[in-house]
N, C-alpha and C. Protein backbone atom coordinates (compact mmCIF):
# COMPACT_ATOMS: atom_id res chain seq x y z
N MET A 1 8.32 -14.54 3.73
CA MET A 1 7.14 -15.20 4.25
C MET A 1 6.14 -15.41 3.12
N GLU A 2 5.73 -16.63 2.96
CA GLU A 2 4.73 -16.95 1.95
C GLU A 2 3.42 -17.30 2.63
N ILE A 3 2.40 -16.53 2.31
CA ILE A 3 1.05 -16.83 2.79
C ILE A 3 0.27 -17.27 1.56
N GLY A 4 0.01 -18.56 1.50
CA GLY A 4 -0.74 -19.11 0.37
C GLY A 4 -2.23 -19.02 0.65
N ILE A 5 -2.95 -18.41 -0.26
CA ILE A 5 -4.40 -18.28 -0.12
C ILE A 5 -5.04 -19.03 -1.28
N GLN A 6 -5.77 -20.08 -0.93
CA GLN A 6 -6.44 -20.89 -1.94
C GLN A 6 -7.94 -20.66 -1.85
N ILE A 7 -8.54 -20.31 -2.97
CA ILE A 7 -9.99 -20.16 -3.01
C ILE A 7 -10.54 -21.46 -3.57
N ARG A 8 -11.14 -22.28 -2.69
CA ARG A 8 -11.67 -23.58 -3.07
C ARG A 8 -13.17 -23.51 -3.32
N TYR A 9 -13.75 -22.32 -3.14
CA TYR A 9 -15.18 -22.11 -3.34
C TYR A 9 -15.32 -20.76 -4.02
N ALA A 10 -15.65 -20.78 -5.30
CA ALA A 10 -15.65 -19.56 -6.12
C ALA A 10 -16.61 -18.49 -5.62
N ALA A 11 -17.62 -18.87 -4.87
CA ALA A 11 -18.58 -17.89 -4.35
C ALA A 11 -17.91 -16.85 -3.45
N TRP A 12 -16.74 -17.17 -2.89
CA TRP A 12 -16.00 -16.17 -2.11
C TRP A 12 -15.73 -14.93 -2.96
N LEU A 13 -15.37 -15.13 -4.22
CA LEU A 13 -15.03 -14.01 -5.10
C LEU A 13 -16.25 -13.16 -5.44
N THR A 14 -17.41 -13.78 -5.48
CA THR A 14 -18.65 -13.03 -5.72
C THR A 14 -19.05 -12.26 -4.47
N ALA A 15 -18.96 -12.92 -3.33
CA ALA A 15 -19.37 -12.30 -2.07
C ALA A 15 -18.43 -11.17 -1.65
N LEU A 16 -17.13 -11.34 -1.95
CA LEU A 16 -16.13 -10.37 -1.51
C LEU A 16 -14.99 -10.36 -2.54
N PRO A 17 -15.13 -9.56 -3.60
CA PRO A 17 -14.12 -9.58 -4.67
C PRO A 17 -12.68 -9.36 -4.19
N GLU A 18 -12.49 -8.62 -3.12
CA GLU A 18 -11.15 -8.35 -2.59
C GLU A 18 -10.74 -9.35 -1.51
N VAL A 19 -11.31 -10.55 -1.55
CA VAL A 19 -11.12 -11.55 -0.50
C VAL A 19 -9.64 -11.88 -0.27
N LYS A 20 -8.85 -11.97 -1.31
CA LYS A 20 -7.44 -12.31 -1.12
C LYS A 20 -6.69 -11.21 -0.37
N GLN A 21 -6.96 -9.96 -0.71
CA GLN A 21 -6.29 -8.85 -0.04
C GLN A 21 -6.70 -8.77 1.43
N VAL A 22 -7.99 -8.95 1.70
CA VAL A 22 -8.50 -8.93 3.08
C VAL A 22 -7.86 -10.04 3.89
N THR A 23 -7.80 -11.23 3.32
CA THR A 23 -7.23 -12.39 4.00
C THR A 23 -5.75 -12.18 4.29
N LEU A 24 -5.01 -11.71 3.32
CA LEU A 24 -3.58 -11.47 3.49
C LEU A 24 -3.31 -10.44 4.58
N LYS A 25 -4.04 -9.34 4.56
CA LYS A 25 -3.86 -8.28 5.56
C LYS A 25 -4.12 -8.81 6.98
N ALA A 26 -5.18 -9.60 7.13
CA ALA A 26 -5.52 -10.15 8.44
C ALA A 26 -4.47 -11.16 8.90
N ALA A 27 -4.00 -12.00 8.00
CA ALA A 27 -2.97 -12.99 8.36
C ALA A 27 -1.69 -12.29 8.82
N GLU A 28 -1.30 -11.25 8.11
CA GLU A 28 -0.10 -10.51 8.49
C GLU A 28 -0.27 -9.85 9.86
N ALA A 29 -1.47 -9.34 10.14
CA ALA A 29 -1.74 -8.73 11.45
C ALA A 29 -1.63 -9.77 12.57
N ALA A 30 -2.13 -10.97 12.32
CA ALA A 30 -2.05 -12.03 13.33
C ALA A 30 -0.61 -12.47 13.55
N LEU A 31 0.14 -12.62 12.48
CA LEU A 31 1.54 -13.06 12.60
C LEU A 31 2.40 -12.02 13.31
N ALA A 32 2.00 -10.76 13.25
CA ALA A 32 2.74 -9.70 13.93
C ALA A 32 2.65 -9.83 15.45
N ILE A 33 1.72 -10.63 15.95
CA ILE A 33 1.58 -10.89 17.39
C ILE A 33 2.83 -11.59 17.92
N GLU A 34 3.43 -12.44 17.10
CA GLU A 34 4.62 -13.21 17.49
C GLU A 34 5.75 -12.92 16.51
N PRO A 35 6.29 -11.71 16.51
CA PRO A 35 7.28 -11.33 15.49
C PRO A 35 8.59 -12.11 15.56
N HIS A 36 8.88 -12.74 16.70
CA HIS A 36 10.14 -13.49 16.83
C HIS A 36 10.11 -14.83 16.08
N LEU A 37 8.92 -15.32 15.75
CA LEU A 37 8.83 -16.58 15.01
C LEU A 37 9.30 -16.37 13.58
N GLN A 38 10.06 -17.29 13.09
CA GLN A 38 10.58 -17.21 11.72
C GLN A 38 9.73 -18.08 10.79
N VAL A 39 8.44 -17.84 10.80
CA VAL A 39 7.52 -18.61 9.97
C VAL A 39 7.75 -18.22 8.51
N ARG A 40 7.87 -19.22 7.67
CA ARG A 40 8.08 -18.94 6.26
C ARG A 40 6.89 -19.33 5.39
N GLU A 41 5.94 -20.06 5.98
CA GLU A 41 4.81 -20.51 5.17
C GLU A 41 3.56 -20.68 6.01
N LEU A 42 2.44 -20.23 5.45
CA LEU A 42 1.13 -20.36 6.06
C LEU A 42 0.14 -20.58 4.93
N SER A 43 -0.80 -21.48 5.13
CA SER A 43 -1.81 -21.77 4.11
C SER A 43 -3.18 -21.40 4.65
N ILE A 44 -3.93 -20.65 3.84
CA ILE A 44 -5.31 -20.31 4.19
C ILE A 44 -6.19 -20.77 3.04
N VAL A 45 -7.20 -21.56 3.37
CA VAL A 45 -8.12 -22.10 2.37
C VAL A 45 -9.49 -21.49 2.60
N LEU A 46 -10.02 -20.86 1.57
CA LEU A 46 -11.36 -20.27 1.62
C LEU A 46 -12.30 -21.28 0.98
N ALA A 47 -13.13 -21.88 1.81
CA ALA A 47 -13.90 -23.06 1.41
C ALA A 47 -15.40 -22.84 1.61
N ASP A 48 -16.14 -23.92 1.45
CA ASP A 48 -17.57 -23.92 1.71
C ASP A 48 -17.87 -24.83 2.89
N ASP A 49 -19.14 -24.83 3.30
CA ASP A 49 -19.55 -25.67 4.43
C ASP A 49 -19.24 -27.14 4.20
N ALA A 50 -19.43 -27.62 2.98
CA ALA A 50 -19.22 -29.05 2.71
C ALA A 50 -17.78 -29.46 2.98
N MET A 51 -16.83 -28.67 2.51
CA MET A 51 -15.42 -29.01 2.74
C MET A 51 -15.07 -28.93 4.22
N VAL A 52 -15.54 -27.88 4.88
CA VAL A 52 -15.24 -27.70 6.30
C VAL A 52 -15.88 -28.82 7.12
N ARG A 53 -17.10 -29.19 6.77
CA ARG A 53 -17.77 -30.29 7.48
C ARG A 53 -16.98 -31.59 7.33
N THR A 54 -16.53 -31.88 6.13
CA THR A 54 -15.76 -33.10 5.89
C THR A 54 -14.48 -33.10 6.72
N LEU A 55 -13.75 -32.00 6.69
CA LEU A 55 -12.50 -31.91 7.46
C LEU A 55 -12.77 -31.99 8.96
N ASN A 56 -13.82 -31.31 9.41
CA ASN A 56 -14.17 -31.32 10.83
C ASN A 56 -14.51 -32.74 11.28
N ASN A 57 -15.23 -33.47 10.43
CA ASN A 57 -15.57 -34.86 10.75
C ASN A 57 -14.34 -35.77 10.71
N ASP A 58 -13.55 -35.63 9.66
CA ASP A 58 -12.38 -36.50 9.50
C ASP A 58 -11.33 -36.31 10.58
N TYR A 59 -11.09 -35.07 10.98
CA TYR A 59 -9.98 -34.79 11.90
C TYR A 59 -10.39 -34.50 13.33
N ARG A 60 -11.67 -34.14 13.54
CA ARG A 60 -12.10 -33.83 14.90
C ARG A 60 -13.27 -34.68 15.35
N GLY A 61 -13.82 -35.49 14.45
CA GLY A 61 -14.95 -36.34 14.80
C GLY A 61 -16.24 -35.58 15.02
N ILE A 62 -16.34 -34.38 14.46
CA ILE A 62 -17.54 -33.55 14.61
C ILE A 62 -18.15 -33.40 13.22
N ASN A 63 -19.31 -34.00 13.01
CA ASN A 63 -19.91 -34.04 11.68
C ASN A 63 -20.81 -32.83 11.43
N LYS A 64 -20.21 -31.66 11.45
CA LYS A 64 -20.93 -30.43 11.10
C LYS A 64 -19.91 -29.38 10.67
N ALA A 65 -20.41 -28.41 9.93
CA ALA A 65 -19.55 -27.31 9.50
C ALA A 65 -19.34 -26.36 10.67
N THR A 66 -18.26 -25.64 10.62
CA THR A 66 -17.96 -24.59 11.59
C THR A 66 -17.39 -23.41 10.81
N ASN A 67 -17.15 -22.31 11.48
CA ASN A 67 -16.66 -21.13 10.75
C ASN A 67 -15.20 -21.24 10.35
N VAL A 68 -14.35 -21.72 11.25
CA VAL A 68 -12.92 -21.77 10.97
C VAL A 68 -12.30 -23.01 11.61
N LEU A 69 -11.42 -23.65 10.87
CA LEU A 69 -10.61 -24.75 11.38
C LEU A 69 -9.15 -24.36 11.27
N ALA A 70 -8.34 -24.81 12.20
CA ALA A 70 -6.90 -24.55 12.15
C ALA A 70 -6.16 -25.85 12.44
N PHE A 71 -5.26 -26.20 11.56
CA PHE A 71 -4.45 -27.41 11.71
C PHE A 71 -2.99 -27.00 11.75
N ALA A 72 -2.41 -27.05 12.95
CA ALA A 72 -1.01 -26.65 13.13
C ALA A 72 -0.09 -27.79 12.75
N TYR A 73 1.08 -27.44 12.26
CA TYR A 73 2.09 -28.43 11.91
C TYR A 73 3.06 -28.70 13.05
N GLY A 74 2.79 -28.18 14.25
CA GLY A 74 3.69 -28.39 15.38
C GLY A 74 4.85 -27.43 15.34
N CYS A 75 4.55 -26.19 15.11
CA CYS A 75 5.56 -25.14 14.93
C CYS A 75 6.30 -24.82 16.23
N ASN A 76 7.58 -24.50 16.09
CA ASN A 76 8.34 -23.94 17.19
C ASN A 76 9.01 -22.67 16.67
N GLU A 77 9.94 -22.11 17.41
CA GLU A 77 10.52 -20.83 17.00
C GLU A 77 11.33 -20.89 15.71
N GLU A 78 11.69 -22.07 15.27
CA GLU A 78 12.50 -22.18 14.05
C GLU A 78 11.76 -22.93 12.94
N CYS A 79 10.45 -22.95 13.00
CA CYS A 79 9.69 -23.73 12.02
C CYS A 79 9.66 -23.03 10.66
N ALA A 80 9.35 -23.81 9.67
CA ALA A 80 9.21 -23.24 8.33
C ALA A 80 7.73 -23.06 7.99
N ALA A 81 6.93 -24.09 8.22
CA ALA A 81 5.51 -24.04 7.88
C ALA A 81 4.68 -24.05 9.15
N LEU A 82 3.77 -23.11 9.25
CA LEU A 82 2.96 -22.96 10.45
C LEU A 82 1.77 -23.91 10.47
N GLY A 83 1.00 -23.95 9.38
CA GLY A 83 -0.17 -24.81 9.33
C GLY A 83 -1.19 -24.29 8.34
N ASP A 84 -2.41 -24.83 8.46
CA ASP A 84 -3.50 -24.50 7.56
C ASP A 84 -4.66 -23.89 8.35
N VAL A 85 -5.26 -22.86 7.79
CA VAL A 85 -6.50 -22.29 8.30
C VAL A 85 -7.53 -22.48 7.19
N ILE A 86 -8.69 -23.03 7.54
CA ILE A 86 -9.75 -23.26 6.56
C ILE A 86 -10.99 -22.54 7.06
N ILE A 87 -11.59 -21.73 6.18
CA ILE A 87 -12.73 -20.90 6.57
C ILE A 87 -13.91 -21.15 5.63
N SER A 88 -15.09 -21.33 6.22
CA SER A 88 -16.32 -21.57 5.46
C SER A 88 -17.02 -20.26 5.13
N LEU A 89 -17.35 -20.08 3.85
CA LEU A 89 -18.08 -18.87 3.45
C LEU A 89 -19.46 -18.83 4.06
N GLU A 90 -20.20 -19.94 4.01
CA GLU A 90 -21.58 -19.90 4.51
C GLU A 90 -21.64 -19.53 5.98
N ARG A 91 -20.78 -20.12 6.81
CA ARG A 91 -20.76 -19.81 8.24
C ARG A 91 -20.33 -18.35 8.45
N THR A 92 -19.30 -17.94 7.75
CA THR A 92 -18.78 -16.58 7.90
C THR A 92 -19.84 -15.56 7.52
N ALA A 93 -20.51 -15.77 6.40
CA ALA A 93 -21.54 -14.84 5.94
C ALA A 93 -22.73 -14.81 6.89
N ALA A 94 -23.16 -15.98 7.37
CA ALA A 94 -24.30 -16.05 8.29
C ALA A 94 -23.98 -15.33 9.60
N GLU A 95 -22.79 -15.55 10.13
CA GLU A 95 -22.39 -14.90 11.39
C GLU A 95 -22.25 -13.39 11.20
N ALA A 96 -21.70 -12.97 10.08
CA ALA A 96 -21.55 -11.54 9.82
C ALA A 96 -22.93 -10.88 9.77
N LYS A 97 -23.86 -11.53 9.10
CA LYS A 97 -25.22 -10.98 9.01
C LYS A 97 -25.88 -10.94 10.39
N GLN A 98 -25.76 -12.02 11.13
CA GLN A 98 -26.36 -12.10 12.47
C GLN A 98 -25.80 -11.02 13.39
N ASP A 99 -24.49 -10.79 13.31
CA ASP A 99 -23.84 -9.82 14.18
C ASP A 99 -23.83 -8.41 13.60
N GLU A 100 -24.47 -8.25 12.45
CA GLU A 100 -24.53 -6.95 11.77
C GLU A 100 -23.13 -6.38 11.55
N ARG A 101 -22.25 -7.23 11.02
CA ARG A 101 -20.88 -6.85 10.68
C ARG A 101 -20.69 -7.07 9.19
N GLY A 102 -19.74 -6.37 8.64
CA GLY A 102 -19.41 -6.61 7.24
C GLY A 102 -18.70 -7.94 7.07
N LEU A 103 -18.88 -8.55 5.92
CA LEU A 103 -18.23 -9.82 5.63
C LEU A 103 -16.71 -9.69 5.71
N SER A 104 -16.18 -8.60 5.21
CA SER A 104 -14.74 -8.36 5.24
C SER A 104 -14.21 -8.33 6.68
N ASP A 105 -14.91 -7.62 7.55
CA ASP A 105 -14.48 -7.53 8.95
C ASP A 105 -14.54 -8.89 9.64
N HIS A 106 -15.62 -9.63 9.39
CA HIS A 106 -15.74 -10.92 10.07
C HIS A 106 -14.73 -11.93 9.52
N LEU A 107 -14.50 -11.90 8.22
CA LEU A 107 -13.47 -12.76 7.65
C LEU A 107 -12.12 -12.44 8.28
N SER A 108 -11.80 -11.16 8.41
CA SER A 108 -10.54 -10.76 9.04
C SER A 108 -10.43 -11.34 10.44
N HIS A 109 -11.52 -11.25 11.19
CA HIS A 109 -11.53 -11.78 12.56
C HIS A 109 -11.26 -13.29 12.55
N LEU A 110 -11.91 -14.02 11.66
CA LEU A 110 -11.72 -15.47 11.63
C LEU A 110 -10.33 -15.87 11.17
N VAL A 111 -9.75 -15.12 10.24
CA VAL A 111 -8.37 -15.39 9.82
C VAL A 111 -7.45 -15.20 11.01
N ILE A 112 -7.59 -14.09 11.71
CA ILE A 112 -6.75 -13.82 12.88
C ILE A 112 -6.96 -14.90 13.93
N HIS A 113 -8.19 -15.26 14.19
CA HIS A 113 -8.51 -16.31 15.16
C HIS A 113 -7.81 -17.62 14.79
N GLY A 114 -7.93 -18.01 13.53
CA GLY A 114 -7.31 -19.26 13.08
C GLY A 114 -5.80 -19.23 13.17
N VAL A 115 -5.19 -18.13 12.77
CA VAL A 115 -3.72 -18.02 12.84
C VAL A 115 -3.26 -18.05 14.29
N LEU A 116 -3.99 -17.41 15.18
CA LEU A 116 -3.62 -17.45 16.61
C LEU A 116 -3.66 -18.89 17.13
N HIS A 117 -4.63 -19.67 16.69
CA HIS A 117 -4.64 -21.09 17.07
C HIS A 117 -3.36 -21.77 16.60
N LEU A 118 -2.94 -21.49 15.37
CA LEU A 118 -1.71 -22.08 14.86
C LEU A 118 -0.49 -21.65 15.66
N LEU A 119 -0.55 -20.46 16.23
CA LEU A 119 0.55 -19.95 17.05
C LEU A 119 0.51 -20.51 18.47
N GLY A 120 -0.51 -21.33 18.76
CA GLY A 120 -0.57 -21.99 20.06
C GLY A 120 -1.57 -21.41 21.04
N TYR A 121 -2.32 -20.42 20.65
CA TYR A 121 -3.31 -19.83 21.54
C TYR A 121 -4.59 -20.66 21.49
N ASP A 122 -5.32 -20.66 22.62
CA ASP A 122 -6.54 -21.45 22.72
C ASP A 122 -7.56 -20.68 23.53
N HIS A 123 -8.80 -21.14 23.50
CA HIS A 123 -9.86 -20.48 24.26
C HIS A 123 -10.71 -21.49 25.02
N GLY A 124 -10.11 -22.60 25.40
CA GLY A 124 -10.83 -23.65 26.12
C GLY A 124 -11.18 -23.27 27.55
N LYS A 125 -10.36 -22.45 28.17
CA LYS A 125 -10.60 -21.99 29.54
C LYS A 125 -10.86 -20.49 29.51
N ASP A 126 -11.59 -19.99 30.51
CA ASP A 126 -11.96 -18.58 30.54
C ASP A 126 -10.76 -17.65 30.44
N ASP A 127 -9.71 -17.91 31.22
CA ASP A 127 -8.54 -17.04 31.18
C ASP A 127 -7.86 -17.07 29.82
N ASP A 128 -7.78 -18.25 29.23
CA ASP A 128 -7.18 -18.38 27.90
C ASP A 128 -8.03 -17.66 26.86
N ALA A 129 -9.35 -17.79 27.00
CA ALA A 129 -10.26 -17.13 26.05
C ALA A 129 -10.11 -15.62 26.13
N LYS A 130 -10.01 -15.08 27.34
CA LYS A 130 -9.85 -13.63 27.49
C LYS A 130 -8.54 -13.16 26.88
N ALA A 131 -7.48 -13.92 27.08
CA ALA A 131 -6.18 -13.55 26.51
C ALA A 131 -6.23 -13.61 24.99
N MET A 132 -6.86 -14.65 24.45
CA MET A 132 -6.94 -14.78 22.99
C MET A 132 -7.81 -13.67 22.40
N GLU A 133 -8.92 -13.36 23.06
CA GLU A 133 -9.78 -12.28 22.59
C GLU A 133 -9.03 -10.95 22.59
N ALA A 134 -8.22 -10.71 23.60
CA ALA A 134 -7.43 -9.47 23.66
C ALA A 134 -6.46 -9.39 22.49
N LEU A 135 -5.82 -10.51 22.15
CA LEU A 135 -4.90 -10.53 21.01
C LEU A 135 -5.65 -10.32 19.70
N GLU A 136 -6.80 -10.94 19.57
CA GLU A 136 -7.61 -10.75 18.36
C GLU A 136 -8.00 -9.28 18.22
N THR A 137 -8.45 -8.70 19.32
CA THR A 137 -8.87 -7.30 19.30
C THR A 137 -7.71 -6.39 18.92
N ARG A 138 -6.54 -6.67 19.47
CA ARG A 138 -5.34 -5.87 19.15
C ARG A 138 -4.97 -5.98 17.67
N ALA A 139 -4.98 -7.20 17.15
CA ALA A 139 -4.65 -7.40 15.73
C ALA A 139 -5.68 -6.73 14.83
N LEU A 140 -6.94 -6.86 15.18
CA LEU A 140 -8.00 -6.22 14.39
C LEU A 140 -7.87 -4.70 14.42
N ALA A 141 -7.60 -4.15 15.59
CA ALA A 141 -7.43 -2.69 15.70
C ALA A 141 -6.29 -2.22 14.81
N GLY A 142 -5.25 -3.04 14.71
CA GLY A 142 -4.10 -2.69 13.88
C GLY A 142 -4.43 -2.57 12.40
N ILE A 143 -5.54 -3.18 11.99
CA ILE A 143 -5.97 -3.06 10.59
C ILE A 143 -7.29 -2.30 10.47
N GLY A 144 -7.62 -1.54 11.53
CA GLY A 144 -8.76 -0.64 11.48
C GLY A 144 -10.12 -1.27 11.65
N ILE A 145 -10.19 -2.39 12.37
CA ILE A 145 -11.47 -3.07 12.58
C ILE A 145 -11.84 -3.01 14.06
N ASP A 146 -13.09 -2.65 14.33
CA ASP A 146 -13.58 -2.51 15.69
C ASP A 146 -13.58 -3.83 16.46
N ASP A 147 -13.57 -3.71 17.77
CA ASP A 147 -13.57 -4.84 18.69
C ASP A 147 -14.84 -5.68 18.51
N PRO A 148 -14.72 -6.93 18.07
CA PRO A 148 -15.91 -7.76 17.90
C PRO A 148 -16.47 -8.26 19.23
N TYR A 149 -15.72 -8.09 20.30
CA TYR A 149 -16.16 -8.56 21.62
C TYR A 149 -16.74 -7.44 22.47
N ALA A 150 -16.85 -6.25 21.90
CA ALA A 150 -17.49 -5.15 22.63
C ALA A 150 -18.92 -5.58 22.97
N PRO A 151 -19.47 -5.09 24.09
CA PRO A 151 -20.80 -5.53 24.51
C PRO A 151 -21.86 -5.47 23.42
N SER A 152 -21.79 -4.51 22.53
CA SER A 152 -22.79 -4.40 21.48
C SER A 152 -22.50 -5.33 20.31
N ARG A 153 -21.37 -6.03 20.33
CA ARG A 153 -20.95 -6.88 19.21
C ARG A 153 -20.58 -8.28 19.68
N ARG A 154 -21.24 -8.82 20.63
CA ARG A 154 -20.83 -10.08 21.24
C ARG A 154 -21.20 -11.27 20.36
N GLY A 155 -20.40 -11.57 19.36
CA GLY A 155 -20.59 -12.74 18.50
C GLY A 155 -19.76 -13.89 19.02
N GLU A 156 -19.96 -15.04 18.47
CA GLU A 156 -19.21 -16.22 18.90
C GLU A 156 -18.24 -16.66 17.82
N VAL A 157 -17.02 -16.89 18.20
CA VAL A 157 -16.02 -17.49 17.32
C VAL A 157 -15.67 -18.83 17.94
N GLN A 158 -15.76 -19.88 17.15
CA GLN A 158 -15.52 -21.22 17.69
C GLN A 158 -14.10 -21.63 17.48
């Protein structure tokens, strides 16, 4: 399994020097949710608001930055490449500060959230959102991170 991590915004390394290790650990935790999939490739891009805004506008028609974008390649059980997850440092850092969470923990949450989208999970309906949140919480617990959806930690992941 190859998890490609591209740092497209150098400030990630200043904000979180261990960003690649944190990202890799979170991606592996998310992929463990669906161990039967034979995914051989996943791309994670650590970007800035400008890049995320451009992609969000170009592919979703929404001209603003968001915390995480996920672009699936249409994976099935025998796929090779799962897709791309793109995460904005500015959004991630602002949300971590607002929710009084560490940047590392919030980045892990967003990586897991993005990978779950690539695996086909969604949060458009209440029942789907609850199921996705439960999977996120389980994956985060597996890497020693507290439940971000606990009543005292109710942040928003888009």
